[in-house]
C-alpha atoms as a PDB file:
ATOM      1  CA  MET A   1     115.521  36.309  84.523  1.00  0.00           C
ATOM      2  CA  ASN A   2     116.687  39.286  86.240  1.00  0.00           C
ATOM      3  CA  GLU A   3     120.263  40.156  85.719  1.00  0.00           C
ATOM      4  CA  GLN A   4     119.823  42.300  89.495  1.00  0.00           C
ATOM      5  CA  ALA A   5     119.505  39.169  90.813  1.00  0.00           C
ATOM      6  CA  LEU A   6     122.557  37.047  89.280  1.00  0.00           C
ATOM      7  CA  ASN A   7     124.971  39.747  89.646  1.00  0.00           C
ATOM      8  CA  PRO A   8     124.054  41.199  93.069  1.00  0.00           C
ATOM      9  CA  ASP A   9     125.467  44.822  93.535  1.00  0.00           C
ATOM     10  CA  PRO A  10     129.302  44.835  94.304  1.00  0.00           C
ATOM     11  CA  ALA A  11     128.615  48.114  96.575  1.00  0.00           C
ATOM     12  CA  ALA A  12     125.617  46.155  98.813  1.00  0.00           C
ATOM     13  CA  ALA A  13     128.634  43.309  99.873  1.00  0.00           C
ATOM     14  CA  GLN A  14     131.055  45.135 101.097  1.00  0.00           C
ATOM     15  CA  THR A  15     128.472  46.956 102.995  1.00  0.00           C
ATOM     16  CA  PHE A  16     127.274  43.687 104.604  1.00  0.00           C
ATOM     17  CA  ASP A  17     127.892  44.067 108.098  1.00  0.00           C
ATOM     18  CA  PRO A  18     127.356  40.685 110.336  1.00  0.00           C
ATOM     19  CA  GLN A  19     126.975  42.490 113.861  1.00  0.00           C
ATOM     20  CA  THR A  20     123.931  44.375 112.474  1.00  0.00           C
ATOM     21  CA  LEU A  21     122.095  40.742 111.731  1.00  0.00           C
ATOM     22  CA  ASN A  22     122.073  39.611 115.734  1.00  0.00           C
ATOM     23  CA  LEU A  23     122.913  36.348 114.859  1.00  0.00           C
ATOM     24  CA  ARG A  24     124.517  33.927 117.772  1.00  0.00           C
ATOM     25  CA  ASP A  25     127.557  32.102 117.627  1.00  0.00           C
ATOM     26  CA  ILE A  26     128.030  28.602 117.122  1.00  0.00           C
ATOM     27  CA  HIS A  27     127.452  26.473 120.273  1.00  0.00           C
ATOM     28  CA  LEU A  28     128.701  22.896 120.909  1.00  0.00           C
ATOM     29  CA  PRO A  29     126.761  20.662 122.565  1.00  0.00           C
ATOM     30  CA  GLU A  30     128.042  19.391 125.965  1.00  0.00           C
ATOM     31  CA  ALA A  31     130.188  16.264 126.025  1.00  0.00           C
ATOM     32  CA  VAL A  32     129.026  12.879 126.290  1.00  0.00           C
ATOM     33  CA  SER A  33     128.828  11.821 129.880  1.00  0.00           C
ATOM     34  CA  TRP A  34     130.482   8.571 130.743  1.00  0.00           C
ATOM     35  CA  TRP A  35     127.054   7.885 133.374  1.00  0.00           C
ATOM     36  CA  PRO A  36     125.063   6.689 133.238  1.00  0.00           C
ATOM     37  CA  PRO A  37     126.099   4.027 130.549  1.00  0.00           C
ATOM     38  CA  ALA A  38     124.014   2.618 127.763  1.00  0.00           C
ATOM     39  CA  ALA A  39     122.290  -0.240 127.999  1.00  0.00           C
ATOM     40  CA  GLY A  40     124.807  -2.254 126.401  1.00  0.00           C
ATOM     41  CA  TRP A  41     127.344  -1.775 128.768  1.00  0.00           C
ATOM     42  CA  TRP A  42     124.885  -2.596 131.448  1.00  0.00           C
ATOM     43  CA  LEU A  43     124.263  -5.808 129.523  1.00  0.00           C
ATOM     44  CA  LEU A  44     127.900  -6.409 129.044  1.00  0.00           C
ATOM     45  CA  LEU A  45     128.346  -6.309 132.953  1.00  0.00           C
ATOM     46  CA  ALA A  46     125.537  -8.551 133.374  1.00  0.00           C
ATOM     47  CA  GLY A  47     126.750 -10.662 131.103  1.00  0.00           C
ATOM     48  CA  PHE A  48     130.272 -10.933 132.548  1.00  0.00           C
ATOM     49  CA  ILE A  49     128.907 -11.190 136.189  1.00  0.00           C
ATOM     50  CA  LEU A  50     126.843 -14.087 135.491  1.00  0.00           C
ATOM     51  CA  LEU A  51     129.765 -15.875 133.406  1.00  0.00           C
ATOM     52  CA  LEU A  52     131.759 -15.460 136.746  1.00  0.00           C
ATOM     53  CA  ILE A  53     129.300 -16.713 139.026  1.00  0.00           C
ATOM     54  CA  ILE A  54     129.102 -19.945 136.227  1.00  0.00           C
ATOM     55  CA  ILE A  55     132.822 -19.945 136.448  1.00  0.00           C
ATOM     56  CA  VAL A  56     133.209 -20.502 140.341  1.00  0.00           C
ATOM     57  CA  MET A  57     130.300 -22.967 140.495  1.00  0.00           C
ATOM     58  CA  ALA A  58     131.963 -24.791 137.939  1.00  0.00           C
ATOM     59  CA  ARG A  59     135.230 -24.691 139.574  1.00  0.00           C
ATOM     60  CA  LYS A  60     133.509 -26.055 142.786  1.00  0.00           C
ATOM     61  CA  ILE A  61     131.467 -29.178 141.423  1.00  0.00           C
ATOM     62  CA  TYR A  62     134.799 -30.326 139.756  1.00  0.00           C
ATOM     63  CA  LEU A  63     136.685 -29.731 142.843  1.00  0.00           C
ATOM     64  CA  SER A  64     133.951 -31.647 144.810  1.00  0.00           C
ATOM     65  CA  ARG A  65     133.913 -34.528 141.943  1.00  0.00           C
ATOM     66  CA  GLN A  66     137.542 -34.416 142.242  1.00  0.00           C
ATOM     67  CA  LEU A  67     137.624 -35.922 145.919  1.00  0.00           C
ATOM     68  CA  LYS A  68     135.263 -38.372 144.621  1.00  0.00           C
ATOM     69  CA  ARG A  69     137.694 -39.046 141.437  1.00  0.00           C
ATOM     70  CA  ASP A  70     140.923 -39.222 143.917  1.00  0.00           C
ATOM     71  CA  ILE A  71     139.093 -41.826 146.145  1.00  0.00           C
ATOM     72  CA  SER A  72     138.013 -44.309 143.362  1.00  0.00           C
ATOM     73  CA  SER A  73     141.106 -44.351 141.630  1.00  0.00           C
ATOM     74  CA  GLU A  74     142.637 -45.085 145.613  1.00  0.00           C
ATOM     75  CA  ILE A  75     140.407 -47.585 146.231  1.00  0.00           C
ATOM     76  CA  LYS A  76     141.033 -49.308 142.258  1.00  0.00           C
ATOM     77  CA  LEU A  77     144.852 -49.267 143.380  1.00  0.00           C
ATOM     78  CA  ILE A  78     144.645 -50.646 146.169  1.00  0.00           C
ATOM     79  CA  LYS A  79     142.098 -53.380 145.230  1.00  0.00           C
ATOM     80  CA  GLN A  80     144.863 -53.877 142.361  1.00  0.00           C
ATOM     81  CA  GLN A  81     147.824 -54.174 145.008  1.00  0.00           C
ATOM     82  CA  PHE A  82     146.142 -56.570 147.301  1.00  0.00           C
ATOM     83  CA  GLN A  83     145.407 -58.796 144.116  1.00  0.00           C
ATOM     84  CA  GLN A  84     148.917 -59.042 143.358  1.00  0.00           C
ATOM     85  CA  THR A  85     150.183 -59.593 146.922  1.00  0.00           C
ATOM     86  CA  GLN A  86     147.195 -61.100 148.675  1.00  0.00           C
ATOM     87  CA  ASN A  87     148.901 -59.364 152.039  1.00  0.00           C
ATOM     88  CA  LYS A  88     145.632 -58.534 154.670  1.00  0.00           C
ATOM     89  CA  SER A  89     148.160 -56.614 156.456  1.00  0.00           C
ATOM     90  CA  GLU A  90     149.315 -54.322 153.918  1.00  0.00           C
ATOM     91  CA  LEU A  91     145.152 -54.178 152.854  1.00  0.00           C
ATOM     92  CA  ALA A  92     144.267 -53.097 156.191  1.00  0.00           C
ATOM     93  CA  LYS A  93     147.121 -50.203 156.422  1.00  0.00           C
ATOM     94  CA  ALA A  94     145.778 -48.679 152.855  1.00  0.00           C
ATOM     95  CA  LEU A  95     142.101 -48.606 153.273  1.00  0.00           C
ATOM     96  CA  SER A  96     143.029 -47.135 157.135  1.00  0.00           C
ATOM     97  CA  VAL A  97     145.352 -44.288 155.699  1.00  0.00           C
ATOM     98  CA  LEU A  98     142.699 -43.722 152.914  1.00  0.00           C
ATOM     99  CA  LEU A  99     139.943 -43.874 155.270  1.00  0.00           C
ATOM    100  CA  ARG A 100     141.461 -40.955 157.701  1.00  0.00           C
ATOM    101  CA  ARG A 101     142.608 -39.072 154.226  1.00  0.00           C
ATOM    102  CA  ALA A 102     139.091 -38.861 153.291  1.00  0.00           C
ATOM    103  CA  SER A 103     137.563 -37.873 156.596  1.00  0.00           C
ATOM    104  CA  ILE A 104     140.233 -35.185 157.251  1.00  0.00           C
ATOM    105  CA  SER A 105     138.852 -33.990 154.076  1.00  0.00           C
ATOM    106  CA  TYR A 106     135.225 -34.233 154.345  1.00  0.00           C
ATOM    107  CA  PHE A 107     135.444 -32.765 158.216  1.00  0.00           C
ATOM    108  CA  PRO A 108     138.219 -30.816 158.329  1.00  0.00           C
ATOM    109  CA  GLY A 109     137.031 -28.787 161.608  1.00  0.00           C
ATOM    110  CA  GLU A 110     136.891 -32.231 163.431  1.00  0.00           C
ATOM    111  CA  ASN A 111     140.117 -33.640 165.381  1.00  0.00           C
ATOM    112  CA  ILE A 112     140.194 -36.765 162.914  1.00  0.00           C
ATOM    113  CA  ALA A 113     143.900 -37.327 162.755  1.00  0.00           C
ATOM    114  CA  GLY A 114     144.376 -37.892 166.525  1.00  0.00           C
ATOM    115  CA  LEU A 115     141.483 -40.776 167.025  1.00  0.00           C
ATOM    116  CA  THR A 116     142.427 -43.961 167.337  1.00  0.00           C
ATOM    117  CA  GLY A 117     141.042 -47.409 167.976  1.00  0.00           C
ATOM    118  CA  GLU A 118     137.376 -47.643 168.926  1.00  0.00           C
ATOM    119  CA  ASN A 119     137.200 -44.185 169.126  1.00  0.00           C
ATOM    120  CA  TRP A 120     137.898 -43.961 165.127  1.00  0.00           C
ATOM    121  CA  LEU A 121     135.827 -46.693 164.516  1.00  0.00           C
ATOM    122  CA  ALA A 122     132.911 -45.007 166.206  1.00  0.00           C
ATOM    123  CA  LEU A 123     133.598 -41.882 164.254  1.00  0.00           C
ATOM    124  CA  LEU A 124     132.976 -43.994 161.250  1.00  0.00           C
ATOM    125  CA  ASP A 125     129.659 -45.549 162.402  1.00  0.00           C
ATOM    126  CA  LYS A 126     128.821 -42.101 163.127  1.00  0.00           C
ATOM    127  CA  THR A 127     129.329 -40.684 160.347  1.00  0.00           C
ATOM    128  CA  SER A 128     127.732 -43.740 158.033  1.00  0.00           C
ATOM    129  CA  HIS A 129     124.640 -43.170 156.427  1.00  0.00           C
ATOM    130  CA  SER A 130     123.543 -46.434 156.150  1.00  0.00           C
ATOM    131  CA  GLN A 131     123.048 -49.067 159.199  1.00  0.00           C
ATOM    132  CA  ALA A 132     124.494 -51.839 157.378  1.00  0.00           C
ATOM    133  CA  LEU A 133     128.013 -50.077 157.799  1.00  0.00           C
ATOM    134  CA  GLN A 134     129.522 -51.482 160.981  1.00  0.00           C
ATOM    135  CA  PHE A 135     132.875 -50.661 161.772  1.00  0.00           C
ATOM    136  CA  GLN A 136     132.835 -51.864 165.177  1.00  0.00           C
ATOM    137  CA  SER A 137     132.045 -55.105 163.688  1.00  0.00           C
ATOM    138  CA  ASP A 138     134.568 -57.944 163.299  1.00  0.00           C
ATOM    139  CA  THR A 139     135.109 -57.049 159.997  1.00  0.00           C
ATOM    140  CA  GLY A 140     135.827 -53.132 160.655  1.00  0.00           C
ATOM    141  CA  LYS A 141     137.908 -53.920 163.658  1.00  0.00           C
ATOM    142  CA  ALA A 142     140.252 -55.287 161.025  1.00  0.00           C
ATOM    143  CA  LEU A 143     141.608 -51.615 160.372  1.00  0.00           C
ATOM    144  CA  ILE A 144     143.033 -51.244 163.719  1.00  0.00           C
ATOM    145  CA  THR A 145     144.636 -54.473 164.242  1.00  0.00           C
ATOM    146  CA  ALA A 146     145.228 -56.329 161.086  1.00  0.00           C
ATOM    147  CA  PRO A 147     148.280 -53.446 160.446  1.00  0.00           C
ATOM    148  CA  TYR A 148     149.982 -53.992 163.235  1.00  0.00           C
ATOM    149  CA  GLN A 149     150.150 -57.965 163.318  1.00  0.00           C
ATOM    150  CA  THR A 150     152.517 -60.249 161.477  1.00  0.00           C
ATOM    151  CA  ALA A 151     151.616 -62.486 158.509  1.00  0.00           C
ATOM    152  CA  GLU A 152     152.125 -65.398 160.806  1.00  0.00           C
ATOM    153  CA  SER A 153     149.892 -63.954 163.614  1.00  0.00           C
ATOM    154  CA  LEU A 154     147.673 -62.187 161.686  1.00  0.00           C
ATOM    155  CA  ALA A 155     143.561 -63.122 162.644  1.00  0.00           C
ATOM    156  CA  ASP A 156     141.906 -64.170 159.445  1.00  0.00           C
ATOM    157  CA  PHE A 157     139.071 -61.608 158.333  1.00  0.00           C
ATOM    158  CA  ASP A 158     137.040 -61.837 155.373  1.00  0.00           C
ATOM    159  CA  ALA A 159     139.421 -58.576 153.015  1.00  0.00           C
ATOM    160  CA  GLN A 160     136.497 -58.509 150.278  1.00  0.00           C
ATOM    161  CA  ALA A 161     134.300 -57.599 153.195  1.00  0.00           C
ATOM    162  CA  LEU A 162     136.822 -55.107 154.466  1.00  0.00           C
ATOM    163  CA  ILE A 163     137.019 -53.544 151.156  1.00  0.00           C
ATOM    164  CA  GLN A 164     133.411 -53.277 150.526  1.00  0.00           C
ATOM    165  CA  LEU A 165     132.778 -52.000 153.715  1.00  0.00           C
ATOM    166  CA  CYS A 166     134.987 -49.281 153.115  1.00  0.00           C
ATOM    167  CA  GLU A 167     134.109 -48.317 149.451  1.00  0.00           C
ATOM    168  CA  SER A 168     130.760 -47.901 150.517  1.00  0.00           C
ATOM    169  CA  TRP A 169     131.590 -45.295 153.578  1.00  0.00           C
ATOM    170  CA  LEU A 170     133.835 -43.190 151.324  1.00  0.00           C
ATOM    171  CA  LEU A 171     131.664 -43.429 148.110  1.00  0.00           C
ATOM    172  CA  SER A 172     128.239 -42.881 150.557  1.00  0.00           C
ATOM    173  CA  THR A 173     130.210 -40.867 152.978  1.00  0.00           C
ATOM    174  CA  HIS A 174     131.113 -38.162 150.139  1.00  0.00           C
ATOM    175  CA  ALA A 175     127.668 -37.899 148.491  1.00  0.00           C
ATOM    176  CA  LYS A 176     126.507 -36.696 151.308  1.00  0.00           C
ATOM    177  CA  GLN A 177     129.226 -34.764 153.423  1.00  0.00           C
ATOM    178  CA  SER A 178     127.590 -31.848 154.242  1.00  0.00           C
ATOM    179  CA  VAL A 179     124.572 -33.257 155.911  1.00  0.00           C
ATOM    180  CA  VAL A 180     127.509 -35.220 158.149  1.00  0.00           C
ATOM    181  CA  ARG A 181     128.811 -31.884 159.084  1.00  0.00           C
ATOM    182  CA  GLN A 182     126.064 -30.621 160.716  1.00  0.00           C
ATOM    183  CA  GLU A 183     125.055 -34.056 162.595  1.00  0.00           C
ATOM    184  CA  ILE A 184     128.578 -34.371 163.962  1.00  0.00           C
ATOM    185  CA  LYS A 185     128.426 -30.822 165.293  1.00  0.00           C
ATOM    186  CA  HIS A 186     125.393 -31.545 167.226  1.00  0.00           C
END
């Protein structure tokens, strides 16, 4: 090999001037912008929104079913108390209170708390989804008469039929409460 190629001239190295080469200075790239985000961030946002929607819907379904669970447990408790005491007056009171509480929950925009007597039974019949459920019959009228009578003067009514009537209304109305809300307003 050539000795001159291996050992460059020291005088030539000292005369080297970078200004004479017309080189540009180093340019750094622009900073990465935060907008628009990468596709992964969009997917993460979509997943978060979907998760939020699912949580809201699941909570709504859970709360809707919670009312039905509460009503079912109240009915079971009322039945057990009646089996122990056989007090028809207390049975009618408990069922009437449960019907009123459920009605207020089912139809919050209505003035249900102020209804009494035949008006109360008429509302129960109006919101019933079955023609077989008749609160204005002798069985249903026990709700407005029996709670105020003593055990001695209590007219004999079929307690099991009253329980069945109330239970059927409570469970069927829960299933169709949104349809009934529209019917009551018209």
